[in-house]
PDB file of N, CA and C in Angstrom:
ATOM      1  N   MET A   1      -4.192 -31.859 -50.375  1.00  0.00           N
ATOM      2  CA  MET A   1      -4.011 -32.948 -51.321  1.00  0.00           C
ATOM      3  C   MET A   1      -5.121 -33.970 -51.101  1.00  0.00           C
ATOM      4  N   LEU A   2      -5.699 -34.428 -52.164  1.00  0.00           N
ATOM      5  CA  LEU A   2      -6.739 -35.447 -52.106  1.00  0.00           C
ATOM      6  C   LEU A   2      -6.214 -36.715 -52.755  1.00  0.00           C
ATOM      7  N   VAL A   3      -6.263 -37.796 -52.009  1.00  0.00           N
ATOM      8  CA  VAL A   3      -5.853 -39.098 -52.533  1.00  0.00           C
ATOM      9  C   VAL A   3      -6.974 -40.074 -52.219  1.00  0.00           C
ATOM     10  N   SER A   4      -7.498 -40.731 -53.231  1.00  0.00           N
ATOM     11  CA  SER A   4      -8.539 -41.738 -53.033  1.00  0.00           C
ATOM     12  C   SER A   4      -7.911 -43.118 -53.123  1.00  0.00           C
ATOM     13  N   VAL A   5      -8.243 -43.963 -52.157  1.00  0.00           N
ATOM     14  CA  VAL A   5      -7.707 -45.316 -52.117  1.00  0.00           C
ATOM     15  C   VAL A   5      -8.850 -46.270 -51.816  1.00  0.00           C
ATOM     16  N   MET A   6      -8.958 -47.319 -52.574  1.00  0.00           N
ATOM     17  CA  MET A   6      -9.977 -48.336 -52.329  1.00  0.00           C
ATOM     18  C   MET A   6      -9.538 -49.195 -51.141  1.00  0.00           C
ATOM     19  N   GLY A   7     -10.504 -49.791 -50.488  1.00  0.00           N
ATOM     20  CA  GLY A   7     -10.193 -50.652 -49.365  1.00  0.00           C
ATOM     21  C   GLY A   7     -11.431 -51.404 -48.927  1.00  0.00           C
ATOM     22  N   THR A   8     -11.312 -52.090 -47.807  1.00  0.00           N
ATOM     23  CA  THR A   8     -12.411 -52.892 -47.272  1.00  0.00           C
ATOM     24  C   THR A   8     -12.549 -52.614 -45.780  1.00  0.00           C
ATOM     25  N   TYR A   9     -13.785 -52.417 -45.341  1.00  0.00           N
ATOM     26  CA  TYR A   9     -14.090 -52.257 -43.923  1.00  0.00           C
ATOM     27  C   TYR A   9     -14.575 -53.595 -43.409  1.00  0.00           C
ATOM     28  N   ASP A  10     -14.017 -54.047 -42.284  1.00  0.00           N
ATOM     29  CA  ASP A  10     -14.440 -55.306 -41.696  1.00  0.00           C
ATOM     30  C   ASP A  10     -14.304 -55.235 -40.177  1.00  0.00           C
ATOM     31  N   ASN A  11     -15.420 -55.278 -39.497  1.00  0.00           N
ATOM     32  CA  ASN A  11     -15.437 -55.365 -38.038  1.00  0.00           C
ATOM     33  C   ASN A  11     -14.612 -54.260 -37.366  1.00  0.00           C
ATOM     34  N   GLY A  12     -14.832 -53.011 -37.799  1.00  0.00           N
ATOM     35  CA  GLY A  12     -14.177 -51.872 -37.172  1.00  0.00           C
ATOM     36  C   GLY A  12     -12.808 -51.509 -37.709  1.00  0.00           C
ATOM     37  N   LYS A  13     -12.315 -52.240 -38.684  1.00  0.00           N
ATOM     38  CA  LYS A  13     -10.995 -51.965 -39.242  1.00  0.00           C
ATOM     39  C   LYS A  13     -11.102 -51.725 -40.741  1.00  0.00           C
ATOM     40  N   ILE A  14     -10.231 -50.854 -41.226  1.00  0.00           N
ATOM     41  CA  ILE A  14     -10.181 -50.565 -42.655  1.00  0.00           C
ATOM     42  C   ILE A  14      -8.854 -51.070 -43.196  1.00  0.00           C
ATOM     43  N   ARG A  15      -8.912 -51.882 -44.225  1.00  0.00           N
ATOM     44  CA  ARG A  15      -7.707 -52.411 -44.878  1.00  0.00           C
ATOM     45  C   ARG A  15      -7.650 -51.789 -46.273  1.00  0.00           C
ATOM     46  N   LEU A  16      -6.578 -51.038 -46.542  1.00  0.00           N
ATOM     47  CA  LEU A  16      -6.411 -50.391 -47.834  1.00  0.00           C
ATOM     48  C   LEU A  16      -5.895 -51.390 -48.865  1.00  0.00           C
ATOM     49  N   ASP A  17      -6.389 -51.274 -50.095  1.00  0.00           N
ATOM     50  CA  ASP A  17      -5.924 -52.146 -51.176  1.00  0.00           C
ATOM     51  C   ASP A  17      -4.493 -51.815 -51.588  1.00  0.00           C
ATOM     52  N   GLU A  18      -4.095 -50.549 -51.368  1.00  0.00           N
ATOM     53  CA  GLU A  18      -2.730 -50.120 -51.674  1.00  0.00           C
ATOM     54  C   GLU A  18      -2.377 -48.974 -50.729  1.00  0.00           C
ATOM     55  N   LEU A  19      -1.099 -48.787 -50.474  1.00  0.00           N
ATOM     56  CA  LEU A  19      -0.661 -47.685 -49.631  1.00  0.00           C
ATOM     57  C   LEU A  19      -0.524 -46.429 -50.489  1.00  0.00           C
ATOM     58  N   PRO A  20      -1.057 -45.301 -50.025  1.00  0.00           N
ATOM     59  CA  PRO A  20      -0.901 -44.064 -50.799  1.00  0.00           C
ATOM     60  C   PRO A  20       0.556 -43.604 -50.773  1.00  0.00           C
ATOM     61  N   LYS A  21       1.078 -43.256 -51.933  1.00  0.00           N
ATOM     62  CA  LYS A  21       2.481 -42.840 -52.035  1.00  0.00           C
ATOM     63  C   LYS A  21       2.674 -41.459 -51.421  1.00  0.00           C
ATOM     64  N   GLY A  22       3.720 -41.312 -50.624  1.00  0.00           N
ATOM     65  CA  GLY A  22       4.062 -40.026 -50.049  1.00  0.00           C
ATOM     66  C   GLY A  22       3.203 -39.609 -48.862  1.00  0.00           C
ATOM     67  N   VAL A  23       2.389 -40.522 -48.337  1.00  0.00           N
ATOM     68  CA  VAL A  23       1.521 -40.196 -47.201  1.00  0.00           C
ATOM     69  C   VAL A  23       1.832 -41.158 -46.061  1.00  0.00           C
ATOM     70  N   SER A  24       2.322 -40.604 -44.952  1.00  0.00           N
ATOM     71  CA  SER A  24       2.585 -41.459 -43.797  1.00  0.00           C
ATOM     72  C   SER A  24       1.605 -41.193 -42.670  1.00  0.00           C
ATOM     73  N   HIS A  25       0.954 -40.021 -42.679  1.00  0.00           N
ATOM     74  CA  HIS A  25      -0.023 -39.655 -41.648  1.00  0.00           C
ATOM     75  C   HIS A  25      -1.016 -38.674 -42.270  1.00  0.00           C
ATOM     76  N   ALA A  26      -2.297 -38.929 -42.117  1.00  0.00           N
ATOM     77  CA  ALA A  26      -3.300 -38.033 -42.686  1.00  0.00           C
ATOM     78  C   ALA A  26      -4.658 -38.275 -42.044  1.00  0.00           C
ATOM     79  N   LYS A  27      -5.490 -37.252 -42.049  1.00  0.00           N
ATOM     80  CA  LYS A  27      -6.881 -37.421 -41.656  1.00  0.00           C
ATOM     81  C   LYS A  27      -7.606 -38.068 -42.832  1.00  0.00           C
ATOM     82  N   VAL A  28      -8.688 -38.762 -42.544  1.00  0.00           N
ATOM     83  CA  VAL A  28      -9.428 -39.441 -43.608  1.00  0.00           C
ATOM     84  C   VAL A  28     -10.929 -39.172 -43.481  1.00  0.00           C
ATOM     85  N   ILE A  29     -11.600 -39.320 -44.584  1.00  0.00           N
ATOM     86  CA  ILE A  29     -13.055 -39.355 -44.629  1.00  0.00           C
ATOM     87  C   ILE A  29     -13.406 -40.698 -45.245  1.00  0.00           C
ATOM     88  N   VAL A  30     -14.195 -41.474 -44.569  1.00  0.00           N
ATOM     89  CA  VAL A  30     -14.523 -42.814 -45.030  1.00  0.00           C
ATOM     90  C   VAL A  30     -15.961 -42.842 -45.534  1.00  0.00           C
ATOM     91  N   THR A  31     -16.154 -43.345 -46.740  1.00  0.00           N
ATOM     92  CA  THR A  31     -17.480 -43.535 -47.317  1.00  0.00           C
ATOM     93  C   THR A  31     -17.700 -45.023 -47.462  1.00  0.00           C
ATOM     94  N   LEU A  32     -18.682 -45.562 -46.774  1.00  0.00           N
ATOM     95  CA  LEU A  32     -18.960 -46.996 -46.845  1.00  0.00           C
ATOM     96  C   LEU A  32     -19.929 -47.267 -47.997  1.00  0.00           C
ATOM     97  N   ILE A  33     -19.588 -48.230 -48.826  1.00  0.00           N
ATOM     98  CA  ILE A  33     -20.399 -48.609 -49.987  1.00  0.00           C
ATOM     99  C   ILE A  33     -20.828 -50.048 -49.778  1.00  0.00           C
ATOM    100  N   GLN A  34     -22.110 -50.264 -49.594  1.00  0.00           N
ATOM    101  CA  GLN A  34     -22.603 -51.616 -49.322  1.00  0.00           C
ATOM    102  C   GLN A  34     -23.042 -52.317 -50.602  1.00  0.00           C
ATOM    103  N   SER A  35     -22.272 -52.136 -51.646  1.00  0.00           N
ATOM    104  CA  SER A  35     -22.579 -52.743 -52.930  1.00  0.00           C
ATOM    105  C   SER A  35     -21.277 -53.162 -53.586  1.00  0.00           C
ATOM    106  N   SER A  36     -21.295 -54.258 -54.281  1.00  0.00           N
ATOM    107  CA  SER A  36     -20.108 -54.678 -55.019  1.00  0.00           C
ATOM    108  C   SER A  36     -20.204 -54.243 -56.481  1.00  0.00           C
ATOM    109  N   ASN A  37     -21.253 -53.514 -56.813  1.00  0.00           N
ATOM    110  CA  ASN A  37     -21.460 -53.022 -58.176  1.00  0.00           C
ATOM    111  C   ASN A  37     -20.404 -51.957 -58.488  1.00  0.00           C
ATOM    112  N   ASP A  38     -19.623 -52.158 -59.548  1.00  0.00           N
ATOM    113  CA  ASP A  38     -18.565 -51.224 -59.909  1.00  0.00           C
ATOM    114  C   ASP A  38     -19.095 -49.822 -60.194  1.00  0.00           C
ATOM    115  N   ASP A  39     -20.315 -49.691 -60.731  1.00  0.00           N
ATOM    116  CA  ASP A  39     -20.896 -48.380 -61.002  1.00  0.00           C
ATOM    117  C   ASP A  39     -21.151 -47.623 -59.701  1.00  0.00           C
ATOM    118  N   ASP A  40     -21.606 -48.310 -58.655  1.00  0.00           N
ATOM    119  CA  ASP A  40     -21.832 -47.678 -57.358  1.00  0.00           C
ATOM    120  C   ASP A  40     -20.516 -47.192 -56.760  1.00  0.00           C
ATOM    121  N   VAL A  41     -19.477 -47.995 -56.886  1.00  0.00           N
ATOM    122  CA  VAL A  41     -18.165 -47.634 -56.362  1.00  0.00           C
ATOM    123  C   VAL A  41     -17.637 -46.407 -57.101  1.00  0.00           C
ATOM    124  N   SER A  42     -17.742 -46.402 -58.409  1.00  0.00           N
ATOM    125  CA  SER A  42     -17.277 -45.275 -59.213  1.00  0.00           C
ATOM    126  C   SER A  42     -18.039 -43.997 -58.867  1.00  0.00           C
ATOM    127  N   GLN A  43     -19.340 -44.108 -58.700  1.00  0.00           N
ATOM    128  CA  GLN A  43     -20.166 -42.952 -58.348  1.00  0.00           C
ATOM    129  C   GLN A  43     -19.768 -42.405 -56.977  1.00  0.00           C
ATOM    130  N   ALA A  44     -19.508 -43.267 -56.019  1.00  0.00           N
ATOM    131  CA  ALA A  44     -19.103 -42.832 -54.680  1.00  0.00           C
ATOM    132  C   ALA A  44     -17.754 -42.123 -54.727  1.00  0.00           C
ATOM    133  N   MET A  45     -16.813 -42.621 -55.513  1.00  0.00           N
ATOM    134  CA  MET A  45     -15.503 -41.985 -55.643  1.00  0.00           C
ATOM    135  C   MET A  45     -15.641 -40.588 -56.250  1.00  0.00           C
ATOM    136  N   GLN A  46     -16.482 -40.462 -57.275  1.00  0.00           N
ATOM    137  CA  GLN A  46     -16.690 -39.159 -57.909  1.00  0.00           C
ATOM    138  C   GLN A  46     -17.333 -38.175 -56.935  1.00  0.00           C
ATOM    139  N   LEU A  47     -18.297 -38.632 -56.157  1.00  0.00           N
ATOM    140  CA  LEU A  47     -18.947 -37.781 -55.173  1.00  0.00           C
ATOM    141  C   LEU A  47     -17.951 -37.322 -54.115  1.00  0.00           C
ATOM    142  N   SER A  48     -17.105 -38.216 -53.665  1.00  0.00           N
ATOM    143  CA  SER A  48     -16.087 -37.879 -52.670  1.00  0.00           C
ATOM    144  C   SER A  48     -15.141 -36.801 -53.198  1.00  0.00           C
ATOM    145  N   GLU A  49     -14.681 -36.959 -54.430  1.00  0.00           N
ATOM    146  CA  GLU A  49     -13.763 -35.987 -55.017  1.00  0.00           C
ATOM    147  C   GLU A  49     -14.441 -34.641 -55.215  1.00  0.00           C
ATOM    148  N   LYS A  50     -15.716 -34.648 -55.631  1.00  0.00           N
ATOM    149  CA  LYS A  50     -16.465 -33.402 -55.810  1.00  0.00           C
ATOM    150  C   LYS A  50     -16.655 -32.701 -54.467  1.00  0.00           C
ATOM    151  N   SER A  51     -17.016 -33.441 -53.446  1.00  0.00           N
ATOM    152  CA  SER A  51     -17.223 -32.855 -52.121  1.00  0.00           C
ATOM    153  C   SER A  51     -15.941 -32.242 -51.586  1.00  0.00           C
ATOM    154  N   PHE A  52     -14.817 -32.905 -51.800  1.00  0.00           N
ATOM    155  CA  PHE A  52     -13.550 -32.380 -51.324  1.00  0.00           C
ATOM    156  C   PHE A  52     -13.257 -31.051 -51.994  1.00  0.00           C
ATOM    157  N   GLY A  53     -13.543 -30.929 -53.268  1.00  0.00           N
ATOM    158  CA  GLY A  53     -13.325 -29.673 -53.985  1.00  0.00           C
ATOM    159  C   GLY A  53     -14.134 -28.538 -53.390  1.00  0.00           C
ATOM    160  N   GLU A  54     -15.340 -28.833 -52.922  1.00  0.00           N
ATOM    161  CA  GLU A  54     -16.174 -27.807 -52.305  1.00  0.00           C
ATOM    162  C   GLU A  54     -15.618 -27.412 -50.940  1.00  0.00           C
ATOM    163  N   TRP A  55     -14.987 -28.342 -50.220  1.00  0.00           N
ATOM    164  CA  TRP A  55     -14.443 -28.047 -48.900  1.00  0.00           C
ATOM    165  C   TRP A  55     -13.096 -27.349 -48.993  1.00  0.00           C
ATOM    166  N   ASN A  56     -12.335 -27.660 -50.010  1.00  0.00           N
ATOM    167  CA  ASN A  56     -10.959 -27.190 -50.123  1.00  0.00           C
ATOM    168  C   ASN A  56     -10.924 -25.922 -50.973  1.00  0.00           C
ATOM    169  N   ASN A  57     -11.124 -24.771 -50.327  1.00  0.00           N
ATOM    170  CA  ASN A  57     -11.064 -23.527 -51.075  1.00  0.00           C
ATOM    171  C   ASN A  57     -10.320 -22.477 -50.259  1.00  0.00           C
ATOM    172  N   ASP A  58      -9.849 -21.424 -50.933  1.00  0.00           N
ATOM    173  CA  ASP A  58      -9.022 -20.401 -50.296  1.00  0.00           C
ATOM    174  C   ASP A  58      -9.736 -19.685 -49.155  1.00  0.00           C
ATOM    175  N   ALA A  59     -11.046 -19.564 -49.223  1.00  0.00           N
ATOM    176  CA  ALA A  59     -11.802 -18.874 -48.178  1.00  0.00           C
ATOM    177  C   ALA A  59     -11.703 -19.608 -46.849  1.00  0.00           C
ATOM    178  N   ASP A  60     -11.435 -20.894 -46.874  1.00  0.00           N
ATOM    179  CA  ASP A  60     -11.348 -21.684 -45.651  1.00  0.00           C
ATOM    180  C   ASP A  60      -9.921 -21.815 -45.112  1.00  0.00           C
ATOM    181  N   ALA A  61      -8.967 -21.141 -45.709  1.00  0.00           N
ATOM    182  CA  ALA A  61      -7.562 -21.274 -45.311  1.00  0.00           C
ATOM    183  C   ALA A  61      -7.354 -20.917 -43.838  1.00  0.00           C
ATOM    184  N   ALA A  62      -8.170 -20.034 -43.291  1.00  0.00           N
ATOM    185  CA  ALA A  62      -8.033 -19.630 -41.892  1.00  0.00           C
ATOM    186  C   ALA A  62      -8.241 -20.797 -40.937  1.00  0.00           C
ATOM    187  N   TYR A  63      -8.964 -21.817 -41.367  1.00  0.00           N
ATOM    188  CA  TYR A  63      -9.252 -22.960 -40.513  1.00  0.00           C
ATOM    189  C   TYR A  63      -8.150 -24.025 -40.547  1.00  0.00           C
ATOM    190  N   ASP A  64      -7.189 -23.892 -41.462  1.00  0.00           N
ATOM    191  CA  ASP A  64      -6.151 -24.909 -41.636  1.00  0.00           C
ATOM    192  C   ASP A  64      -5.318 -25.141 -40.378  1.00  0.00           C
ATOM    193  N   SER A  65      -5.095 -24.100 -39.593  1.00  0.00           N
ATOM    194  CA  SER A  65      -4.241 -24.236 -38.427  1.00  0.00           C
ATOM    195  C   SER A  65      -4.971 -24.751 -37.193  1.00  0.00           C
ATOM    196  N   LEU A  66      -6.277 -24.926 -37.277  1.00  0.00           N
ATOM    197  CA  LEU A  66      -7.066 -25.389 -36.131  1.00  0.00           C
ATOM    198  C   LEU A  66      -6.888 -26.859 -35.868  1.00  0.00           C
TER     199      LEU A  66
END
């Protein structure tokens, strides 16, 4: 499952703008965006979702239990 949530990184901590529904524990991939430009943020979100699709495929199912 892929859930994207906006947030802010400050001095080693990440504060989420909202809590993801139905998720109490999960691994994360963090992409830092050093721009307040909404187009940059949107582009980063799209790239993250595209990358996840490339990682999440049936051929990699053997690695799920590691």
